[in-house]
mmCIF file of all heavy atoms, coordinates in Angstrom:
data_MODEL
# 
_entry.id   MODEL 
# 
loop_
_atom_site.group_PDB 
_atom_site.id 
_atom_site.type_symbol 
_atom_site.label_atom_id 
_atom_site.label_alt_id 
_atom_site.label_comp_id 
_atom_site.label_asym_id 
_atom_site.label_entity_id 
_atom_site.label_seq_id 
_atom_site.pdbx_PDB_ins_code 
_atom_site.Cartn_x 
_atom_site.Cartn_y 
_atom_site.Cartn_z 
_atom_site.occupancy 
_atom_site.B_iso_or_equiv 
_atom_site.pdbx_formal_charge 
_atom_site.auth_seq_id 
_atom_site.auth_comp_id 
_atom_site.auth_asym_id 
_atom_site.auth_atom_id 
_atom_site.pdbx_PDB_model_num 
ATOM 1   N N   . GLN A 1 1  ? 0.827  -1.199 0.000   1.00 0.00 ? 1  GLN A N   1 
ATOM 2   C CA  . GLN A 1 1  ? 0.000  0.000  0.000   1.00 0.00 ? 1  GLN A CA  1 
ATOM 3   C C   . GLN A 1 1  ? 0.865  1.254  0.000   1.00 0.00 ? 1  GLN A C   1 
ATOM 4   O O   . GLN A 1 1  ? 1.788  1.398  0.807   1.00 0.00 ? 1  GLN A O   1 
ATOM 5   C CB  . GLN A 1 1  ? -0.929 0.019  1.218   1.00 0.00 ? 1  GLN A CB  1 
ATOM 6   C CG  . GLN A 1 1  ? -1.851 1.232  1.260   1.00 0.00 ? 1  GLN A CG  1 
ATOM 7   C CD  . GLN A 1 1  ? -2.726 1.252  2.501   1.00 0.00 ? 1  GLN A CD  1 
ATOM 8   O OE1 . GLN A 1 1  ? -2.609 0.388  3.372   1.00 0.00 ? 1  GLN A OE1 1 
ATOM 9   N NE2 . GLN A 1 1  ? -3.613 2.235  2.586   1.00 0.00 ? 1  GLN A NE2 1 
ATOM 10  N N   . LEU A 1 2  ? 0.569  2.184  -0.903  1.00 0.00 ? 2  LEU A N   1 
ATOM 11  C CA  . LEU A 1 2  ? 1.286  3.454  -0.994  1.00 0.00 ? 2  LEU A CA  1 
ATOM 12  C C   . LEU A 1 2  ? 0.515  4.506  -0.205  1.00 0.00 ? 2  LEU A C   1 
ATOM 13  O O   . LEU A 1 2  ? -0.696 4.684  -0.406  1.00 0.00 ? 2  LEU A O   1 
ATOM 14  C CB  . LEU A 1 2  ? 1.424  3.878  -2.448  1.00 0.00 ? 2  LEU A CB  1 
ATOM 15  C CG  . LEU A 1 2  ? 2.320  5.082  -2.740  1.00 0.00 ? 2  LEU A CG  1 
ATOM 16  C CD1 . LEU A 1 2  ? 3.767  4.774  -2.392  1.00 0.00 ? 2  LEU A CD1 1 
ATOM 17  C CD2 . LEU A 1 2  ? 2.208  5.480  -4.210  1.00 0.00 ? 2  LEU A CD2 1 
ATOM 18  N N   . VAL A 1 3  ? 1.218  5.212  0.692   1.00 0.00 ? 3  VAL A N   1 
ATOM 19  C CA  . VAL A 1 3  ? 0.565  6.152  1.607   1.00 0.00 ? 3  VAL A CA  1 
ATOM 20  C C   . VAL A 1 3  ? 1.212  7.520  1.473   1.00 0.00 ? 3  VAL A C   1 
ATOM 21  O O   . VAL A 1 3  ? 2.435  7.655  1.564   1.00 0.00 ? 3  VAL A O   1 
ATOM 22  C CB  . VAL A 1 3  ? 0.663  5.667  3.069   1.00 0.00 ? 3  VAL A CB  1 
ATOM 23  C CG1 . VAL A 1 3  ? -0.018 6.661  4.012   1.00 0.00 ? 3  VAL A CG1 1 
ATOM 24  C CG2 . VAL A 1 3  ? 0.063  4.280  3.218   1.00 0.00 ? 3  VAL A CG2 1 
ATOM 25  N N   . ASP A 1 4  ? 0.400  8.551  1.268   1.00 0.00 ? 4  ASP A N   1 
ATOM 26  C CA  . ASP A 1 4  ? 0.901  9.925  1.288   1.00 0.00 ? 4  ASP A CA  1 
ATOM 27  C C   . ASP A 1 4  ? 1.088  10.372 2.738   1.00 0.00 ? 4  ASP A C   1 
ATOM 28  O O   . ASP A 1 4  ? 0.406  9.892  3.647   1.00 0.00 ? 4  ASP A O   1 
ATOM 29  C CB  . ASP A 1 4  ? -0.071 10.869 0.581   1.00 0.00 ? 4  ASP A CB  1 
ATOM 30  C CG  . ASP A 1 4  ? -0.117 10.644 -0.917  1.00 0.00 ? 4  ASP A CG  1 
ATOM 31  O OD1 . ASP A 1 4  ? 0.908  10.218 -1.482  1.00 0.00 ? 4  ASP A OD1 1 
ATOM 32  O OD2 . ASP A 1 4  ? -1.184 10.867 -1.521  1.00 0.00 ? 4  ASP A OD2 1 
ATOM 33  N N   . THR A 1 5  ? 2.007  11.306 2.962   1.00 0.00 ? 5  THR A N   1 
ATOM 34  C CA  . THR A 1 5  ? 2.251  11.826 4.302   1.00 0.00 ? 5  THR A CA  1 
ATOM 35  C C   . THR A 1 5  ? 2.032  13.335 4.317   1.00 0.00 ? 5  THR A C   1 
ATOM 36  O O   . THR A 1 5  ? 1.831  13.974 3.283   1.00 0.00 ? 5  THR A O   1 
ATOM 37  C CB  . THR A 1 5  ? 3.682  11.530 4.783   1.00 0.00 ? 5  THR A CB  1 
ATOM 38  O OG1 . THR A 1 5  ? 4.600  12.431 4.145   1.00 0.00 ? 5  THR A OG1 1 
ATOM 39  C CG2 . THR A 1 5  ? 4.077  10.091 4.475   1.00 0.00 ? 5  THR A CG2 1 
ATOM 40  N N   . ALA A 1 6  ? 2.115  13.896 5.521   1.00 0.00 ? 6  ALA A N   1 
ATOM 41  C CA  . ALA A 1 6  ? 1.958  15.338 5.687   1.00 0.00 ? 6  ALA A CA  1 
ATOM 42  C C   . ALA A 1 6  ? 3.278  16.080 5.531   1.00 0.00 ? 6  ALA A C   1 
ATOM 43  O O   . ALA A 1 6  ? 3.314  17.306 5.642   1.00 0.00 ? 6  ALA A O   1 
ATOM 44  C CB  . ALA A 1 6  ? 1.360  15.635 7.068   1.00 0.00 ? 6  ALA A CB  1 
ATOM 45  N N   . ALA A 1 7  ? 4.360  15.365 5.282   1.00 0.00 ? 7  ALA A N   1 
ATOM 46  C CA  . ALA A 1 7  ? 5.679  15.989 5.158   1.00 0.00 ? 7  ALA A CA  1 
ATOM 47  C C   . ALA A 1 7  ? 5.897  16.434 3.723   1.00 0.00 ? 7  ALA A C   1 
ATOM 48  O O   . ALA A 1 7  ? 6.103  15.607 2.827   1.00 0.00 ? 7  ALA A O   1 
ATOM 49  C CB  . ALA A 1 7  ? 6.763  15.017 5.595   1.00 0.00 ? 7  ALA A CB  1 
ATOM 50  N N   . LYS A 1 8  ? 5.835  17.745 3.488   1.00 0.00 ? 8  LYS A N   1 
ATOM 51  C CA  . LYS A 1 8  ? 5.954  18.298 2.142   1.00 0.00 ? 8  LYS A CA  1 
ATOM 52  C C   . LYS A 1 8  ? 6.891  19.491 2.169   1.00 0.00 ? 8  LYS A C   1 
ATOM 53  O O   . LYS A 1 8  ? 6.863  20.293 3.103   1.00 0.00 ? 8  LYS A O   1 
ATOM 54  C CB  . LYS A 1 8  ? 4.578  18.730 1.623   1.00 0.00 ? 8  LYS A CB  1 
ATOM 55  C CG  . LYS A 1 8  ? 3.549  17.603 1.615   1.00 0.00 ? 8  LYS A CG  1 
ATOM 56  C CD  . LYS A 1 8  ? 2.188  18.097 1.167   1.00 0.00 ? 8  LYS A CD  1 
ATOM 57  C CE  . LYS A 1 8  ? 1.137  16.993 1.265   1.00 0.00 ? 8  LYS A CE  1 
ATOM 58  N NZ  . LYS A 1 8  ? 1.436  15.859 0.373   1.00 0.00 ? 8  LYS A NZ  1 
ATOM 59  N N   . ALA A 1 9  ? 7.716  19.630 1.130   1.00 0.00 ? 9  ALA A N   1 
ATOM 60  C CA  . ALA A 1 9  ? 8.648  20.754 1.006   1.00 0.00 ? 9  ALA A CA  1 
ATOM 61  C C   . ALA A 1 9  ? 8.387  21.468 -0.310  1.00 0.00 ? 9  ALA A C   1 
ATOM 62  O O   . ALA A 1 9  ? 8.312  20.840 -1.360  1.00 0.00 ? 9  ALA A O   1 
ATOM 63  C CB  . ALA A 1 9  ? 10.093 20.268 1.055   1.00 0.00 ? 9  ALA A CB  1 
ATOM 64  N N   . GLY A 1 10 ? 8.261  22.784 -0.256  1.00 0.00 ? 10 GLY A N   1 
ATOM 65  C CA  . GLY A 1 10 ? 7.995  23.572 -1.453  1.00 0.00 ? 10 GLY A CA  1 
ATOM 66  C C   . GLY A 1 10 ? 6.535  23.972 -1.535  1.00 0.00 ? 10 GLY A C   1 
ATOM 67  O O   . GLY A 1 10 ? 5.777  23.827 -0.570  1.00 0.00 ? 10 GLY A O   1 
ATOM 68  N N   . PRO A 1 11 ? 6.100  24.514 -2.683  1.00 0.00 ? 11 PRO A N   1 
ATOM 69  C CA  . PRO A 1 11 ? 6.873  24.589 -3.935  1.00 0.00 ? 11 PRO A CA  1 
ATOM 70  C C   . PRO A 1 11 ? 7.968  25.647 -3.904  1.00 0.00 ? 11 PRO A C   1 
ATOM 71  O O   . PRO A 1 11 ? 7.862  26.641 -3.194  1.00 0.00 ? 11 PRO A O   1 
ATOM 72  C CB  . PRO A 1 11 ? 5.799  24.951 -4.977  1.00 0.00 ? 11 PRO A CB  1 
ATOM 73  C CG  . PRO A 1 11 ? 4.750  25.675 -4.183  1.00 0.00 ? 11 PRO A CG  1 
ATOM 74  C CD  . PRO A 1 11 ? 4.731  25.028 -2.833  1.00 0.00 ? 11 PRO A CD  1 
ATOM 75  N N   . PHE A 1 12 ? 9.022  25.380 -4.673  1.00 0.00 ? 12 PHE A N   1 
ATOM 76  C CA  . PHE A 1 12 ? 10.140 26.298 -4.820  1.00 0.00 ? 12 PHE A CA  1 
ATOM 77  C C   . PHE A 1 12 ? 10.026 26.954 -6.188  1.00 0.00 ? 12 PHE A C   1 
ATOM 78  O O   . PHE A 1 12 ? 10.015 26.278 -7.211  1.00 0.00 ? 12 PHE A O   1 
ATOM 79  C CB  . PHE A 1 12 ? 11.462 25.549 -4.683  1.00 0.00 ? 12 PHE A CB  1 
ATOM 80  C CG  . PHE A 1 12 ? 11.596 24.851 -3.354  1.00 0.00 ? 12 PHE A CG  1 
ATOM 81  C CD1 . PHE A 1 12 ? 11.359 23.486 -3.240  1.00 0.00 ? 12 PHE A CD1 1 
ATOM 82  C CD2 . PHE A 1 12 ? 11.955 25.557 -2.219  1.00 0.00 ? 12 PHE A CD2 1 
ATOM 83  C CE1 . PHE A 1 12 ? 11.476 22.843 -2.026  1.00 0.00 ? 12 PHE A CE1 1 
ATOM 84  C CE2 . PHE A 1 12 ? 12.067 24.915 -0.991  1.00 0.00 ? 12 PHE A CE2 1 
ATOM 85  C CZ  . PHE A 1 12 ? 11.832 23.558 -0.887  1.00 0.00 ? 12 PHE A CZ  1 
ATOM 86  N N   . PHE A 1 13 ? 9.950  28.280 -6.192  1.00 0.00 ? 13 PHE A N   1 
ATOM 87  C CA  . PHE A 1 13 ? 9.723  29.034 -7.432  1.00 0.00 ? 13 PHE A CA  1 
ATOM 88  C C   . PHE A 1 13 ? 11.021 29.678 -7.904  1.00 0.00 ? 13 PHE A C   1 
ATOM 89  O O   . PHE A 1 13 ? 11.987 29.798 -7.138  1.00 0.00 ? 13 PHE A O   1 
ATOM 90  C CB  . PHE A 1 13 ? 8.663  30.113 -7.194  1.00 0.00 ? 13 PHE A CB  1 
ATOM 91  C CG  . PHE A 1 13 ? 7.316  29.569 -6.855  1.00 0.00 ? 13 PHE A CG  1 
ATOM 92  C CD1 . PHE A 1 13 ? 6.896  29.496 -5.529  1.00 0.00 ? 13 PHE A CD1 1 
ATOM 93  C CD2 . PHE A 1 13 ? 6.469  29.113 -7.845  1.00 0.00 ? 13 PHE A CD2 1 
ATOM 94  C CE1 . PHE A 1 13 ? 5.653  28.986 -5.209  1.00 0.00 ? 13 PHE A CE1 1 
ATOM 95  C CE2 . PHE A 1 13 ? 5.213  28.600 -7.533  1.00 0.00 ? 13 PHE A CE2 1 
ATOM 96  C CZ  . PHE A 1 13 ? 4.808  28.536 -6.210  1.00 0.00 ? 13 PHE A CZ  1 
ATOM 97  N N   . PRO A 1 14 ? 11.035 30.132 -9.174  1.00 0.00 ? 14 PRO A N   1 
ATOM 98  C CA  . PRO A 1 14 ? 12.220 30.840 -9.670  1.00 0.00 ? 14 PRO A CA  1 
ATOM 99  C C   . PRO A 1 14 ? 12.469 32.098 -8.846  1.00 0.00 ? 14 PRO A C   1 
ATOM 100 O O   . PRO A 1 14 ? 11.566 32.642 -8.210  1.00 0.00 ? 14 PRO A O   1 
ATOM 101 C CB  . PRO A 1 14 ? 11.847 31.187 -11.111 1.00 0.00 ? 14 PRO A CB  1 
ATOM 102 C CG  . PRO A 1 14 ? 10.761 30.235 -11.471 1.00 0.00 ? 14 PRO A CG  1 
ATOM 103 C CD  . PRO A 1 14 ? 10.013 29.971 -10.198 1.00 0.00 ? 14 PRO A CD  1 
ATOM 104 N N   . PHE A 1 15 ? 13.718 32.559 -8.850  1.00 0.00 ? 15 PHE A N   1 
ATOM 105 C CA  . PHE A 1 15 ? 14.042 33.791 -8.149  1.00 0.00 ? 15 PHE A CA  1 
ATOM 106 C C   . PHE A 1 15 ? 13.302 34.964 -8.786  1.00 0.00 ? 15 PHE A C   1 
ATOM 107 O O   . PHE A 1 15 ? 13.028 34.977 -9.984  1.00 0.00 ? 15 PHE A O   1 
ATOM 108 C CB  . PHE A 1 15 ? 15.550 34.049 -8.178  1.00 0.00 ? 15 PHE A CB  1 
ATOM 109 C CG  . PHE A 1 15 ? 16.324 33.099 -7.315  1.00 0.00 ? 15 PHE A CG  1 
ATOM 110 C CD1 . PHE A 1 15 ? 17.118 32.116 -7.884  1.00 0.00 ? 15 PHE A CD1 1 
ATOM 111 C CD2 . PHE A 1 15 ? 16.240 33.176 -5.941  1.00 0.00 ? 15 PHE A CD2 1 
ATOM 112 C CE1 . PHE A 1 15 ? 17.821 31.233 -7.091  1.00 0.00 ? 15 PHE A CE1 1 
ATOM 113 C CE2 . PHE A 1 15 ? 16.940 32.295 -5.136  1.00 0.00 ? 15 PHE A CE2 1 
ATOM 114 C CZ  . PHE A 1 15 ? 17.742 31.321 -5.704  1.00 0.00 ? 15 PHE A CZ  1 
ATOM 115 N N   . ARG A 1 16 ? 12.966 35.941 -7.964  1.00 0.00 ? 16 ARG A N   1 
ATOM 116 C CA  . ARG A 1 16 ? 12.226 37.108 -8.426  1.00 0.00 ? 16 ARG A CA  1 
ATOM 117 C C   . ARG A 1 16 ? 12.941 37.770 -9.604  1.00 0.00 ? 16 ARG A C   1 
ATOM 118 O O   . ARG A 1 16 ? 14.148 37.995 -9.572  1.00 0.00 ? 16 ARG A O   1 
ATOM 119 C CB  . ARG A 1 16 ? 12.075 38.115 -7.287  1.00 0.00 ? 16 ARG A CB  1 
ATOM 120 C CG  . ARG A 1 16 ? 11.136 39.295 -7.608  1.00 0.00 ? 16 ARG A CG  1 
ATOM 121 C CD  . ARG A 1 16 ? 11.127 40.280 -6.449  1.00 0.00 ? 16 ARG A CD  1 
ATOM 122 N NE  . ARG A 1 16 ? 10.692 39.641 -5.233  1.00 0.00 ? 16 ARG A NE  1 
ATOM 123 C CZ  . ARG A 1 16 ? 9.415  39.496 -4.871  1.00 0.00 ? 16 ARG A CZ  1 
ATOM 124 N NH1 . ARG A 1 16 ? 8.456  39.956 -5.670  1.00 0.00 ? 16 ARG A NH1 1 
ATOM 125 N NH2 . ARG A 1 16 ? 9.095  38.911 -3.728  1.00 0.00 ? 16 ARG A NH2 1 
ATOM 126 N N   . GLY A 1 17 ? 12.184 38.091 -10.630 1.00 0.00 ? 17 GLY A N   1 
ATOM 127 C CA  . GLY A 1 17 ? 12.743 38.784 -11.777 1.00 0.00 ? 17 GLY A CA  1 
ATOM 128 C C   . GLY A 1 17 ? 13.374 37.876 -12.814 1.00 0.00 ? 17 GLY A C   1 
ATOM 129 O O   . GLY A 1 17 ? 13.961 38.344 -13.776 1.00 0.00 ? 17 GLY A O   1 
ATOM 130 N N   . THR A 1 18 ? 13.278 36.539 -12.608 1.00 0.00 ? 18 THR A N   1 
ATOM 131 C CA  . THR A 1 18 ? 13.841 35.599 -13.574 1.00 0.00 ? 18 THR A CA  1 
ATOM 132 C C   . THR A 1 18 ? 12.777 34.593 -13.975 1.00 0.00 ? 18 THR A C   1 
ATOM 133 O O   . THR A 1 18 ? 11.755 34.431 -13.296 1.00 0.00 ? 18 THR A O   1 
ATOM 134 C CB  . THR A 1 18 ? 15.042 34.828 -13.008 1.00 0.00 ? 18 THR A CB  1 
ATOM 135 O OG1 . THR A 1 18 ? 14.579 33.838 -12.077 1.00 0.00 ? 18 THR A OG1 1 
ATOM 136 C CG2 . THR A 1 18 ? 16.014 35.770 -12.299 1.00 0.00 ? 18 THR A CG2 1 
ATOM 137 N N   . ASP A 1 19 ? 13.016 33.917 -15.088 1.00 0.00 ? 19 ASP A N   1 
ATOM 138 C CA  . ASP A 1 19 ? 12.125 32.839 -15.503 1.00 0.00 ? 19 ASP A CA  1 
ATOM 139 C C   . ASP A 1 19 ? 12.857 31.504 -15.506 1.00 0.00 ? 19 ASP A C   1 
ATOM 140 O O   . ASP A 1 19 ? 12.424 30.535 -16.121 1.00 0.00 ? 19 ASP A O   1 
ATOM 141 C CB  . ASP A 1 19 ? 11.547 33.119 -16.890 1.00 0.00 ? 19 ASP A CB  1 
ATOM 142 C CG  . ASP A 1 19 ? 12.633 33.288 -17.962 1.00 0.00 ? 19 ASP A CG  1 
ATOM 143 O OD1 . ASP A 1 19 ? 13.827 33.215 -17.610 1.00 0.00 ? 19 ASP A OD1 1 
ATOM 144 O OD2 . ASP A 1 19 ? 12.267 33.498 -19.133 1.00 0.00 ? 19 ASP A OD2 1 
ATOM 145 N N   . GLN A 1 20 ? 13.982 31.462 -14.783 1.00 0.00 ? 20 GLN A N   1 
ATOM 146 C CA  . GLN A 1 20 ? 14.755 30.234 -14.727 1.00 0.00 ? 20 GLN A CA  1 
ATOM 147 C C   . GLN A 1 20 ? 14.127 29.257 -13.745 1.00 0.00 ? 20 GLN A C   1 
ATOM 148 O O   . GLN A 1 20 ? 13.598 29.664 -12.704 1.00 0.00 ? 20 GLN A O   1 
ATOM 149 C CB  . GLN A 1 20 ? 16.204 30.522 -14.311 1.00 0.00 ? 20 GLN A CB  1 
ATOM 150 C CG  . GLN A 1 20 ? 16.968 31.397 -15.291 1.00 0.00 ? 20 GLN A CG  1 
ATOM 151 C CD  . GLN A 1 20 ? 17.062 30.739 -16.655 1.00 0.00 ? 20 GLN A CD  1 
ATOM 152 O OE1 . GLN A 1 20 ? 17.425 29.571 -16.764 1.00 0.00 ? 20 GLN A OE1 1 
ATOM 153 N NE2 . GLN A 1 20 ? 16.703 31.486 -17.701 1.00 0.00 ? 20 GLN A NE2 1 
ATOM 154 N N   . PRO A 1 21 ? 14.164 27.944 -14.020 1.00 0.00 ? 21 PRO A N   1 
ATOM 155 C CA  . PRO A 1 21 ? 13.621 26.958 -13.089 1.00 0.00 ? 21 PRO A CA  1 
ATOM 156 C C   . PRO A 1 21 ? 14.303 27.045 -11.727 1.00 0.00 ? 21 PRO A C   1 
ATOM 157 O O   . PRO A 1 21 ? 15.433 27.514 -11.610 1.00 0.00 ? 21 PRO A O   1 
ATOM 158 C CB  . PRO A 1 21 ? 13.926 25.619 -13.775 1.00 0.00 ? 21 PRO A CB  1 
ATOM 159 C CG  . PRO A 1 21 ? 14.075 25.957 -15.218 1.00 0.00 ? 21 PRO A CG  1 
ATOM 160 C CD  . PRO A 1 21 ? 14.671 27.337 -15.254 1.00 0.00 ? 21 PRO A CD  1 
ATOM 161 N N   . ALA A 1 22 ? 13.601 26.594 -10.696 1.00 0.00 ? 22 ALA A N   1 
ATOM 162 C CA  . ALA A 1 22 ? 14.131 26.687 -9.335  1.00 0.00 ? 22 ALA A CA  1 
ATOM 163 C C   . ALA A 1 22 ? 15.369 25.819 -9.139  1.00 0.00 ? 22 ALA A C   1 
ATOM 164 O O   . ALA A 1 22 ? 16.235 26.137 -8.332  1.00 0.00 ? 22 ALA A O   1 
ATOM 165 C CB  . ALA A 1 22 ? 13.044 26.273 -8.339  1.00 0.00 ? 22 ALA A CB  1 
ATOM 166 N N   . ASN A 1 23 ? 15.470 24.683 -9.859  1.00 0.00 ? 23 ASN A N   1 
ATOM 167 C CA  . ASN A 1 23 ? 16.586 23.751 -9.676  1.00 0.00 ? 23 ASN A CA  1 
ATOM 168 C C   . ASN A 1 23 ? 16.712 23.315 -8.226  1.00 0.00 ? 23 ASN A C   1 
ATOM 169 O O   . ASN A 1 23 ? 17.810 23.194 -7.692  1.00 0.00 ? 23 ASN A O   1 
ATOM 170 C CB  . ASN A 1 23 ? 17.904 24.362 -10.160 1.00 0.00 ? 23 ASN A CB  1 
ATOM 171 C CG  . ASN A 1 23 ? 17.985 24.433 -11.669 1.00 0.00 ? 23 ASN A CG  1 
ATOM 172 O OD1 . ASN A 1 23 ? 17.409 23.598 -12.363 1.00 0.00 ? 23 ASN A OD1 1 
ATOM 173 N ND2 . ASN A 1 23 ? 18.683 25.435 -12.183 1.00 0.00 ? 23 ASN A ND2 1 
ATOM 174 N N   . ALA A 1 24 ? 15.575 23.122 -7.584  1.00 0.00 ? 24 ALA A N   1 
ATOM 175 C CA  . ALA A 1 24 ? 15.580 22.656 -6.200  1.00 0.00 ? 24 ALA A CA  1 
ATOM 176 C C   . ALA A 1 24 ? 15.967 21.184 -6.149  1.00 0.00 ? 24 ALA A C   1 
ATOM 177 O O   . ALA A 1 24 ? 15.850 20.459 -7.139  1.00 0.00 ? 24 ALA A O   1 
ATOM 178 C CB  . ALA A 1 24 ? 14.200 22.864 -5.575  1.00 0.00 ? 24 ALA A CB  1 
ATOM 179 N N   . SER A 1 25 ? 16.438 20.731 -4.986  1.00 0.00 ? 25 SER A N   1 
ATOM 180 C CA  . SER A 1 25 ? 16.800 19.326 -4.820  1.00 0.00 ? 25 SER A CA  1 
ATOM 181 C C   . SER A 1 25 ? 16.438 18.877 -3.417  1.00 0.00 ? 25 SER A C   1 
ATOM 182 O O   . SER A 1 25 ? 16.211 19.699 -2.525  1.00 0.00 ? 25 SER A O   1 
ATOM 183 C CB  . SER A 1 25 ? 18.294 19.104 -5.083  1.00 0.00 ? 25 SER A CB  1 
ATOM 184 O OG  . SER A 1 25 ? 19.080 19.893 -4.212  1.00 0.00 ? 25 SER A OG  1 
ATOM 185 N N   . ALA A 1 26 ? 16.356 17.577 -3.231  1.00 0.00 ? 26 ALA A N   1 
ATOM 186 C CA  . ALA A 1 26 ? 15.987 17.019 -1.932  1.00 0.00 ? 26 ALA A CA  1 
ATOM 187 C C   . ALA A 1 26 ? 16.752 15.735 -1.701  1.00 0.00 ? 26 ALA A C   1 
ATOM 188 O O   . ALA A 1 26 ? 17.133 15.052 -2.648  1.00 0.00 ? 26 ALA A O   1 
ATOM 189 C CB  . ALA A 1 26 ? 14.483 16.756 -1.864  1.00 0.00 ? 26 ALA A CB  1 
ATOM 190 N N   . ALA A 1 27 ? 16.976 15.409 -0.431  1.00 0.00 ? 27 ALA A N   1 
ATOM 191 C CA  . ALA A 1 27 ? 17.676 14.172 -0.093  1.00 0.00 ? 27 ALA A CA  1 
ATOM 192 C C   . ALA A 1 27 ? 17.137 13.628 1.217   1.00 0.00 ? 27 ALA A C   1 
ATOM 193 O O   . ALA A 1 27 ? 16.923 14.387 2.168   1.00 0.00 ? 27 ALA A O   1 
ATOM 194 C CB  . ALA A 1 27 ? 19.179 14.418 0.033   1.00 0.00 ? 27 ALA A CB  1 
ATOM 195 N N   . VAL A 1 28 ? 16.893 12.348 1.267   1.00 0.00 ? 28 VAL A N   1 
ATOM 196 C CA  . VAL A 1 28 ? 16.576 11.670 2.518   1.00 0.00 ? 28 VAL A CA  1 
ATOM 197 C C   . VAL A 1 28 ? 17.887 11.162 3.101   1.00 0.00 ? 28 VAL A C   1 
ATOM 198 O O   . VAL A 1 28 ? 18.583 10.363 2.475   1.00 0.00 ? 28 VAL A O   1 
ATOM 199 C CB  . VAL A 1 28 ? 15.599 10.504 2.298   1.00 0.00 ? 28 VAL A CB  1 
ATOM 200 C CG1 . VAL A 1 28 ? 15.472 9.656  3.560   1.00 0.00 ? 28 VAL A CG1 1 
ATOM 201 C CG2 . VAL A 1 28 ? 14.228 11.029 1.892   1.00 0.00 ? 28 VAL A CG2 1 
# 
């Protein structure tokens, strides 16, 4: 069984004044 959790990070948006992707990353 796959279970969602309440632990969420983001959303991470581009820096103000740019249209570049956030390039965010995560690690357990």
